């Protein structure tokens, strides 16, 4: 095993350990958010995965058993991991098209990246309440995927 394969395994495990309430899409949101954080300079893949709980939106789920090789949800995630890791899979869940206004009033297109998410119907972390929800100017709600709300 090389270091990239190890990092992909960590990413897959991180997604697997999240709530399965939103099934496949919810687990993809976790992986895309982590990818967005890497792209935004939060750190390298391993640093971002290791620090994910410190900036999570919801309290941690109970630890899940490792998946069976035959679990259909696990197999779907396994088939997506390479393209999420290398950025070749199109992210239509946590990256949205937007527009910004220049000083002269002109609009220009931009892409807004989701960096945080939470199921707002479940207990929230102090981080999400104090840093994200309390600052809607800098952390806009940009998407909803199932019961998950994605913030910039």
N, C-alpha and C. Protein backbone atom coordinates (compact mmCIF):
# COMPACT_ATOMS: atom_id res chain seq x y z
N UNK A 1 0.85 -1.17 0.00
CA UNK A 1 0.00 0.00 0.00
C UNK A 1 0.90 1.24 0.00
N UNK A 2 0.53 2.21 -0.80
CA UNK A 2 1.28 3.46 -0.78
C UNK A 2 0.53 4.51 0.04
N UNK A 3 1.13 5.68 0.20
CA UNK A 3 0.54 6.70 1.08
C UNK A 3 -0.77 7.26 0.52
N UNK A 4 -0.91 7.32 -0.79
CA UNK A 4 -2.17 7.81 -1.38
C UNK A 4 -3.29 6.82 -1.09
N UNK A 5 -3.04 5.53 -1.24
CA UNK A 5 -4.05 4.52 -0.94
C UNK A 5 -4.44 4.58 0.54
N UNK A 6 -3.46 4.79 1.41
CA UNK A 6 -3.74 4.92 2.84
C UNK A 6 -4.64 6.12 3.11
N UNK A 7 -4.34 7.26 2.48
CA UNK A 7 -5.13 8.47 2.67
C UNK A 7 -6.55 8.27 2.15
N UNK A 8 -6.71 7.60 1.02
CA UNK A 8 -8.05 7.31 0.49
C UNK A 8 -8.82 6.41 1.45
N UNK A 9 -8.13 5.46 2.07
CA UNK A 9 -8.78 4.58 3.06
C UNK A 9 -9.24 5.40 4.26
N UNK A 10 -8.43 6.36 4.70
CA UNK A 10 -8.85 7.23 5.81
C UNK A 10 -10.08 8.05 5.43
N UNK A 11 -10.09 8.57 4.21
CA UNK A 11 -11.22 9.35 3.72
C UNK A 11 -12.48 8.49 3.67
N UNK A 12 -12.36 7.31 3.15
CA UNK A 12 -13.50 6.40 3.06
C UNK A 12 -14.02 6.05 4.45
N UNK A 13 -13.12 5.77 5.37
CA UNK A 13 -13.54 5.45 6.74
C UNK A 13 -14.21 6.65 7.40
N UNK A 14 -13.67 7.84 7.18
CA UNK A 14 -14.28 9.05 7.75
C UNK A 14 -15.72 9.20 7.26
N UNK A 15 -15.93 9.01 5.98
CA UNK A 15 -17.29 9.11 5.44
C UNK A 15 -18.18 8.01 6.02
N UNK A 16 -17.66 6.79 6.09
CA UNK A 16 -18.45 5.65 6.57
C UNK A 16 -18.90 5.87 8.02
N UNK A 17 -18.10 6.53 8.81
CA UNK A 17 -18.42 6.72 10.23
C UNK A 17 -19.45 7.82 10.47
N UNK A 18 -19.87 8.53 9.42
CA UNK A 18 -20.87 9.58 9.59
C UNK A 18 -22.27 8.97 9.57
N UNK A 19 -23.25 9.79 9.92
CA UNK A 19 -24.64 9.34 9.93
C UNK A 19 -25.03 8.81 8.56
N UNK A 20 -25.76 7.73 8.56
CA UNK A 20 -26.26 7.15 7.31
C UNK A 20 -27.70 7.59 7.03
N UNK A 21 -28.19 8.61 7.76
CA UNK A 21 -29.56 9.08 7.58
C UNK A 21 -29.83 9.54 6.16
N UNK A 22 -28.84 10.11 5.51
CA UNK A 22 -29.00 10.61 4.14
C UNK A 22 -28.37 9.67 3.12
N UNK A 23 -28.10 8.47 3.56
CA UNK A 23 -27.58 7.39 2.70
C UNK A 23 -26.40 7.85 1.86
N UNK A 24 -26.38 7.45 0.63
CA UNK A 24 -25.26 7.68 -0.27
C UNK A 24 -24.91 9.17 -0.41
N UNK A 25 -25.92 10.01 -0.65
CA UNK A 25 -25.67 11.43 -0.85
C UNK A 25 -25.04 12.07 0.39
N UNK A 26 -25.49 11.70 1.57
CA UNK A 26 -24.92 12.26 2.79
C UNK A 26 -23.46 11.91 2.98
N UNK A 27 -23.10 10.69 2.62
CA UNK A 27 -21.71 10.28 2.75
C UNK A 27 -20.83 10.95 1.69
N UNK A 28 -21.40 11.18 0.52
CA UNK A 28 -20.67 11.94 -0.51
C UNK A 28 -20.44 13.38 -0.05
N UNK A 29 -21.44 13.97 0.60
CA UNK A 29 -21.28 15.34 1.11
C UNK A 29 -20.06 15.41 2.02
N UNK A 30 -19.91 14.44 2.92
CA UNK A 30 -18.75 14.43 3.82
C UNK A 30 -17.45 14.44 3.02
N UNK A 31 -17.36 13.58 2.01
CA UNK A 31 -16.12 13.51 1.24
C UNK A 31 -15.87 14.78 0.43
N UNK A 32 -16.92 15.34 -0.15
CA UNK A 32 -16.76 16.58 -0.92
C UNK A 32 -16.37 17.75 -0.02
N UNK A 33 -16.96 17.84 1.17
CA UNK A 33 -16.61 18.92 2.09
C UNK A 33 -15.13 18.82 2.46
N UNK A 34 -14.67 17.61 2.74
CA UNK A 34 -13.25 17.43 3.06
C UNK A 34 -12.37 17.83 1.87
N UNK A 35 -12.78 17.46 0.67
CA UNK A 35 -12.04 17.85 -0.54
C UNK A 35 -12.00 19.38 -0.67
N UNK A 36 -13.14 20.03 -0.43
CA UNK A 36 -13.19 21.49 -0.51
C UNK A 36 -12.25 22.13 0.51
N UNK A 37 -12.17 21.54 1.70
CA UNK A 37 -11.27 22.08 2.72
C UNK A 37 -9.80 21.93 2.31
N UNK A 38 -9.47 20.81 1.70
CA UNK A 38 -8.10 20.64 1.19
C UNK A 38 -7.82 21.71 0.14
N UNK A 39 -8.76 21.87 -0.80
CA UNK A 39 -8.58 22.86 -1.86
C UNK A 39 -8.50 24.28 -1.32
N UNK A 40 -9.19 24.54 -0.19
CA UNK A 40 -9.21 25.89 0.39
C UNK A 40 -8.00 26.16 1.29
N UNK A 41 -7.12 25.17 1.44
CA UNK A 41 -5.91 25.39 2.20
C UNK A 41 -6.01 25.09 3.69
N UNK A 42 -7.02 24.32 4.10
CA UNK A 42 -7.14 23.95 5.52
C UNK A 42 -6.01 23.02 5.94
N UNK A 43 -5.34 22.40 4.99
CA UNK A 43 -4.26 21.46 5.26
C UNK A 43 -4.25 20.39 4.19
N UNK A 44 -3.35 19.42 4.34
CA UNK A 44 -3.36 18.31 3.38
C UNK A 44 -4.48 17.34 3.76
N UNK A 45 -4.68 16.32 2.96
CA UNK A 45 -5.79 15.39 3.19
C UNK A 45 -5.79 14.83 4.61
N UNK A 46 -4.66 14.34 5.06
CA UNK A 46 -4.63 13.71 6.39
C UNK A 46 -4.88 14.71 7.50
N UNK A 47 -4.35 15.91 7.35
CA UNK A 47 -4.60 16.94 8.36
C UNK A 47 -6.08 17.30 8.41
N UNK A 48 -6.69 17.45 7.26
CA UNK A 48 -8.12 17.80 7.19
C UNK A 48 -8.97 16.68 7.79
N UNK A 49 -8.66 15.44 7.47
CA UNK A 49 -9.41 14.31 8.03
C UNK A 49 -9.23 14.26 9.55
N UNK A 50 -8.00 14.43 9.99
CA UNK A 50 -7.72 14.34 11.43
C UNK A 50 -8.42 15.45 12.22
N UNK A 51 -8.55 16.63 11.65
CA UNK A 51 -9.16 17.77 12.34
C UNK A 51 -10.66 17.89 12.10
N UNK A 52 -11.24 17.00 11.33
CA UNK A 52 -12.64 17.14 10.93
C UNK A 52 -13.60 17.25 12.11
N UNK A 53 -13.39 16.48 13.15
CA UNK A 53 -14.30 16.54 14.30
C UNK A 53 -14.27 17.89 15.00
N UNK A 54 -13.14 18.58 14.96
CA UNK A 54 -13.03 19.86 15.67
C UNK A 54 -13.86 20.96 15.00
N UNK A 55 -14.23 20.77 13.73
CA UNK A 55 -15.06 21.77 13.05
C UNK A 55 -16.31 21.13 12.45
N UNK A 56 -16.73 20.02 13.06
CA UNK A 56 -17.94 19.33 12.60
C UNK A 56 -19.19 20.13 12.99
N UNK A 57 -20.25 19.90 12.25
CA UNK A 57 -21.51 20.57 12.54
C UNK A 57 -22.35 19.87 13.58
N UNK A 58 -22.29 18.55 13.59
CA UNK A 58 -23.07 17.76 14.54
C UNK A 58 -22.15 17.01 15.49
N UNK A 59 -22.71 16.64 16.62
CA UNK A 59 -21.97 15.82 17.57
C UNK A 59 -21.65 14.48 16.92
N UNK A 60 -20.55 13.84 17.30
CA UNK A 60 -20.16 12.58 16.66
C UNK A 60 -21.21 11.48 16.81
N UNK A 61 -21.30 10.65 15.78
CA UNK A 61 -22.17 9.47 15.81
C UNK A 61 -21.45 8.37 16.58
N UNK A 62 -22.21 7.40 17.06
CA UNK A 62 -21.53 6.23 17.64
C UNK A 62 -20.66 5.57 16.57
N UNK A 63 -19.56 4.97 16.99
CA UNK A 63 -18.66 4.31 16.03
C UNK A 63 -19.41 3.18 15.33
N UNK A 64 -19.30 3.15 14.02
CA UNK A 64 -19.98 2.12 13.22
C UNK A 64 -19.05 0.93 13.01
N UNK A 65 -19.65 -0.23 12.86
CA UNK A 65 -18.88 -1.40 12.46
C UNK A 65 -18.32 -1.17 11.07
N UNK A 66 -17.19 -1.77 10.79
CA UNK A 66 -16.64 -1.67 9.45
C UNK A 66 -17.58 -2.37 8.48
N UNK A 67 -17.68 -1.87 7.26
CA UNK A 67 -18.63 -2.44 6.31
C UNK A 67 -18.19 -3.80 5.78
N UNK A 68 -19.17 -4.55 5.37
CA UNK A 68 -18.91 -5.80 4.66
C UNK A 68 -18.46 -5.45 3.24
N UNK A 69 -17.64 -6.28 2.65
CA UNK A 69 -17.25 -6.08 1.25
C UNK A 69 -18.46 -6.12 0.32
N UNK A 70 -19.55 -6.70 0.77
CA UNK A 70 -20.74 -6.86 -0.07
C UNK A 70 -21.80 -5.81 0.18
N UNK A 71 -21.56 -4.91 1.11
CA UNK A 71 -22.53 -3.85 1.41
C UNK A 71 -22.64 -2.94 0.19
N UNK A 72 -23.85 -2.78 -0.38
CA UNK A 72 -24.00 -1.98 -1.60
C UNK A 72 -23.63 -0.51 -1.41
N UNK A 73 -23.92 0.06 -0.26
CA UNK A 73 -23.56 1.45 0.00
C UNK A 73 -22.04 1.60 0.05
N UNK A 74 -21.37 0.69 0.70
CA UNK A 74 -19.91 0.72 0.77
C UNK A 74 -19.30 0.57 -0.62
N UNK A 75 -19.85 -0.33 -1.42
CA UNK A 75 -19.31 -0.56 -2.77
C UNK A 75 -19.47 0.69 -3.65
N UNK A 76 -20.59 1.39 -3.47
CA UNK A 76 -20.78 2.63 -4.24
C UNK A 76 -19.75 3.68 -3.84
N UNK A 77 -19.53 3.81 -2.53
CA UNK A 77 -18.52 4.78 -2.06
C UNK A 77 -17.14 4.40 -2.56
N UNK A 78 -16.84 3.12 -2.51
CA UNK A 78 -15.54 2.63 -2.96
C UNK A 78 -15.31 2.98 -4.44
N UNK A 79 -16.38 2.91 -5.22
CA UNK A 79 -16.24 3.21 -6.65
C UNK A 79 -16.05 4.71 -6.91
N UNK A 80 -16.38 5.57 -5.94
CA UNK A 80 -16.27 7.02 -6.11
C UNK A 80 -14.99 7.61 -5.53
N UNK A 81 -14.32 6.89 -4.65
CA UNK A 81 -13.25 7.48 -3.85
C UNK A 81 -12.12 8.07 -4.70
N UNK A 82 -11.71 7.38 -5.76
CA UNK A 82 -10.61 7.88 -6.58
C UNK A 82 -10.94 9.22 -7.23
N UNK A 83 -12.15 9.32 -7.80
CA UNK A 83 -12.51 10.55 -8.52
C UNK A 83 -12.78 11.72 -7.58
N UNK A 84 -13.21 11.45 -6.35
CA UNK A 84 -13.36 12.53 -5.38
C UNK A 84 -11.99 12.99 -4.92
N UNK A 85 -11.14 12.05 -4.60
CA UNK A 85 -9.80 12.37 -4.11
C UNK A 85 -9.03 13.21 -5.14
N UNK A 86 -9.08 12.82 -6.40
CA UNK A 86 -8.28 13.55 -7.40
C UNK A 86 -9.04 14.72 -8.05
N UNK A 87 -10.29 14.93 -7.66
CA UNK A 87 -11.05 16.07 -8.16
C UNK A 87 -11.65 15.92 -9.52
N UNK A 88 -11.68 14.70 -10.07
CA UNK A 88 -12.26 14.52 -11.40
C UNK A 88 -13.78 14.29 -11.36
N UNK A 89 -14.33 13.97 -10.21
CA UNK A 89 -15.79 13.81 -10.11
C UNK A 89 -16.40 15.19 -9.90
N UNK A 90 -17.39 15.49 -10.71
CA UNK A 90 -18.07 16.77 -10.62
C UNK A 90 -18.86 16.84 -9.31
N UNK A 91 -18.65 17.89 -8.55
CA UNK A 91 -19.33 18.09 -7.27
C UNK A 91 -20.49 19.05 -7.48
N UNK A 92 -21.68 18.51 -7.61
CA UNK A 92 -22.88 19.33 -7.77
C UNK A 92 -23.64 19.48 -6.45
N UNK A 93 -23.06 18.96 -5.37
CA UNK A 93 -23.74 19.01 -4.08
C UNK A 93 -23.22 20.12 -3.18
N UNK A 94 -21.93 20.35 -3.17
CA UNK A 94 -21.35 21.30 -2.21
C UNK A 94 -20.63 22.46 -2.90
N UNK A 95 -20.66 22.51 -4.21
CA UNK A 95 -20.10 23.64 -4.95
C UNK A 95 -21.21 24.18 -5.83
N UNK A 96 -21.50 25.45 -5.68
CA UNK A 96 -22.59 26.05 -6.43
C UNK A 96 -22.10 27.29 -7.17
N UNK A 97 -22.75 27.55 -8.30
CA UNK A 97 -22.45 28.75 -9.07
C UNK A 97 -23.10 29.93 -8.39
N UNK A 98 -22.39 31.03 -8.34
CA UNK A 98 -22.92 32.25 -7.76
C UNK A 98 -22.42 33.44 -8.55
N UNK A 99 -22.76 34.60 -8.08
CA UNK A 99 -22.31 35.84 -8.71
C UNK A 99 -21.85 36.80 -7.63
N UNK A 100 -20.80 37.54 -7.94
CA UNK A 100 -20.32 38.60 -7.05
C UNK A 100 -20.47 39.91 -7.79
N UNK A 101 -20.62 40.96 -7.00
CA UNK A 101 -20.75 42.30 -7.56
C UNK A 101 -19.44 43.05 -7.37
N UNK A 102 -18.99 43.68 -8.45
CA UNK A 102 -17.78 44.49 -8.35
C UNK A 102 -18.13 45.84 -7.74
N UNK A 103 -17.11 46.62 -7.45
CA UNK A 103 -17.31 47.97 -6.90
C UNK A 103 -18.14 48.85 -7.83
N UNK A 104 -18.08 48.55 -9.13
CA UNK A 104 -18.82 49.36 -10.11
C UNK A 104 -20.21 48.79 -10.40
N UNK A 105 -20.61 47.74 -9.67
CA UNK A 105 -21.95 47.20 -9.82
C UNK A 105 -22.08 46.10 -10.85
N UNK A 106 -21.00 45.71 -11.49
CA UNK A 106 -21.05 44.63 -12.47
C UNK A 106 -21.07 43.28 -11.76
N UNK A 107 -21.73 42.33 -12.37
CA UNK A 107 -21.76 40.97 -11.83
C UNK A 107 -20.74 40.11 -12.56
N UNK A 108 -20.08 39.23 -11.83
CA UNK A 108 -19.22 38.25 -12.47
C UNK A 108 -19.44 36.89 -11.78
N UNK A 109 -19.36 35.82 -12.59
CA UNK A 109 -19.65 34.49 -12.03
C UNK A 109 -18.53 34.02 -11.10
N UNK A 110 -18.91 33.24 -10.14
CA UNK A 110 -17.97 32.65 -9.19
C UNK A 110 -18.52 31.30 -8.73
N UNK A 111 -17.66 30.49 -8.15
CA UNK A 111 -18.09 29.22 -7.58
C UNK A 111 -17.94 29.33 -6.06
N UNK A 112 -18.99 28.95 -5.35
CA UNK A 112 -18.98 28.97 -3.89
C UNK A 112 -18.79 27.54 -3.43
N UNK A 113 -17.82 27.33 -2.55
CA UNK A 113 -17.49 25.99 -2.06
C UNK A 113 -18.06 25.79 -0.66
N UNK A 114 -18.72 24.66 -0.47
CA UNK A 114 -19.19 24.30 0.86
C UNK A 114 -18.02 23.82 1.70
N UNK A 115 -17.88 24.40 2.89
CA UNK A 115 -16.78 24.03 3.78
C UNK A 115 -17.27 23.42 5.09
N UNK A 116 -18.57 23.57 5.37
CA UNK A 116 -19.16 23.08 6.61
C UNK A 116 -20.54 22.52 6.29
N UNK A 117 -21.01 21.60 7.10
CA UNK A 117 -22.36 21.10 6.93
C UNK A 117 -22.88 20.57 8.25
N UNK A 118 -24.20 20.47 8.34
CA UNK A 118 -24.82 19.91 9.54
C UNK A 118 -26.25 19.51 9.22
N UNK A 119 -26.75 18.57 9.98
CA UNK A 119 -28.18 18.27 10.02
C UNK A 119 -28.73 19.15 11.12
N UNK A 120 -29.44 20.21 10.74
CA UNK A 120 -29.89 21.20 11.72
C UNK A 120 -30.97 20.68 12.65
N UNK A 121 -31.51 19.50 12.37
CA UNK A 121 -32.52 18.92 13.26
C UNK A 121 -31.89 18.06 14.36
N UNK A 122 -30.57 17.92 14.33
CA UNK A 122 -29.85 17.13 15.33
C UNK A 122 -29.00 18.05 16.20
N UNK A 123 -28.52 17.55 17.34
CA UNK A 123 -27.68 18.40 18.20
C UNK A 123 -26.47 18.95 17.45
N UNK A 124 -26.25 20.26 17.62
CA UNK A 124 -25.18 20.96 16.92
C UNK A 124 -23.98 21.16 17.84
N UNK A 125 -22.81 21.25 17.24
CA UNK A 125 -21.60 21.51 18.01
C UNK A 125 -21.53 23.00 18.35
N UNK A 126 -20.84 23.32 19.44
CA UNK A 126 -20.63 24.74 19.73
C UNK A 126 -19.92 25.47 18.59
N UNK A 127 -18.99 24.79 17.92
CA UNK A 127 -18.29 25.41 16.79
C UNK A 127 -19.29 25.89 15.75
N UNK A 128 -20.21 25.02 15.34
CA UNK A 128 -21.16 25.41 14.29
C UNK A 128 -22.03 26.57 14.76
N UNK A 129 -22.51 26.50 15.98
CA UNK A 129 -23.38 27.56 16.49
C UNK A 129 -22.63 28.89 16.62
N UNK A 130 -21.42 28.86 17.18
CA UNK A 130 -20.69 30.08 17.48
C UNK A 130 -19.95 30.68 16.29
N UNK A 131 -19.47 29.85 15.40
CA UNK A 131 -18.63 30.33 14.29
C UNK A 131 -19.35 30.40 12.95
N UNK A 132 -20.23 29.46 12.69
CA UNK A 132 -20.85 29.38 11.36
C UNK A 132 -22.24 30.02 11.37
N UNK A 133 -23.12 29.53 12.22
CA UNK A 133 -24.49 30.08 12.26
C UNK A 133 -24.51 31.53 12.74
N UNK A 134 -23.58 31.89 13.61
CA UNK A 134 -23.53 33.25 14.14
C UNK A 134 -22.92 34.26 13.15
N UNK A 135 -22.41 33.78 12.04
CA UNK A 135 -21.75 34.65 11.06
C UNK A 135 -22.29 34.38 9.65
N UNK A 136 -23.58 34.67 9.43
CA UNK A 136 -24.17 34.34 8.11
C UNK A 136 -23.60 35.16 6.96
N UNK A 137 -22.95 36.27 7.24
CA UNK A 137 -22.34 37.05 6.17
C UNK A 137 -21.20 36.27 5.52
N UNK A 138 -20.38 35.63 6.33
CA UNK A 138 -19.23 34.89 5.82
C UNK A 138 -19.49 33.41 5.61
N UNK A 139 -20.59 32.90 6.15
CA UNK A 139 -20.89 31.47 6.03
C UNK A 139 -22.35 31.31 5.61
N UNK A 140 -22.58 31.54 4.33
CA UNK A 140 -23.93 31.46 3.78
C UNK A 140 -24.38 30.01 3.62
N UNK A 141 -25.67 29.80 3.72
CA UNK A 141 -26.25 28.49 3.39
C UNK A 141 -26.28 28.41 1.88
N UNK A 142 -25.60 27.40 1.34
CA UNK A 142 -25.50 27.35 -0.12
C UNK A 142 -26.19 26.14 -0.73
N UNK A 143 -26.53 25.14 0.08
CA UNK A 143 -27.16 23.94 -0.49
C UNK A 143 -27.83 23.15 0.62
N UNK A 144 -28.76 22.32 0.19
CA UNK A 144 -29.39 21.34 1.07
C UNK A 144 -29.35 20.00 0.35
N UNK A 145 -28.85 18.99 1.03
CA UNK A 145 -28.79 17.64 0.49
C UNK A 145 -29.46 16.74 1.51
N UNK A 146 -30.67 16.28 1.19
CA UNK A 146 -31.44 15.53 2.16
C UNK A 146 -31.70 16.41 3.37
N UNK A 147 -31.33 15.96 4.56
CA UNK A 147 -31.50 16.77 5.76
C UNK A 147 -30.24 17.57 6.11
N UNK A 148 -29.23 17.56 5.24
CA UNK A 148 -27.98 18.27 5.50
C UNK A 148 -28.01 19.67 4.88
N UNK A 149 -27.56 20.64 5.65
CA UNK A 149 -27.43 22.01 5.15
C UNK A 149 -25.94 22.29 5.00
N UNK A 150 -25.58 22.81 3.84
CA UNK A 150 -24.18 23.09 3.52
C UNK A 150 -23.95 24.60 3.58
N UNK A 151 -22.84 24.98 4.22
CA UNK A 151 -22.46 26.38 4.41
C UNK A 151 -21.12 26.68 3.77
N UNK A 152 -20.96 27.92 3.30
CA UNK A 152 -19.67 28.33 2.75
C UNK A 152 -18.72 28.70 3.87
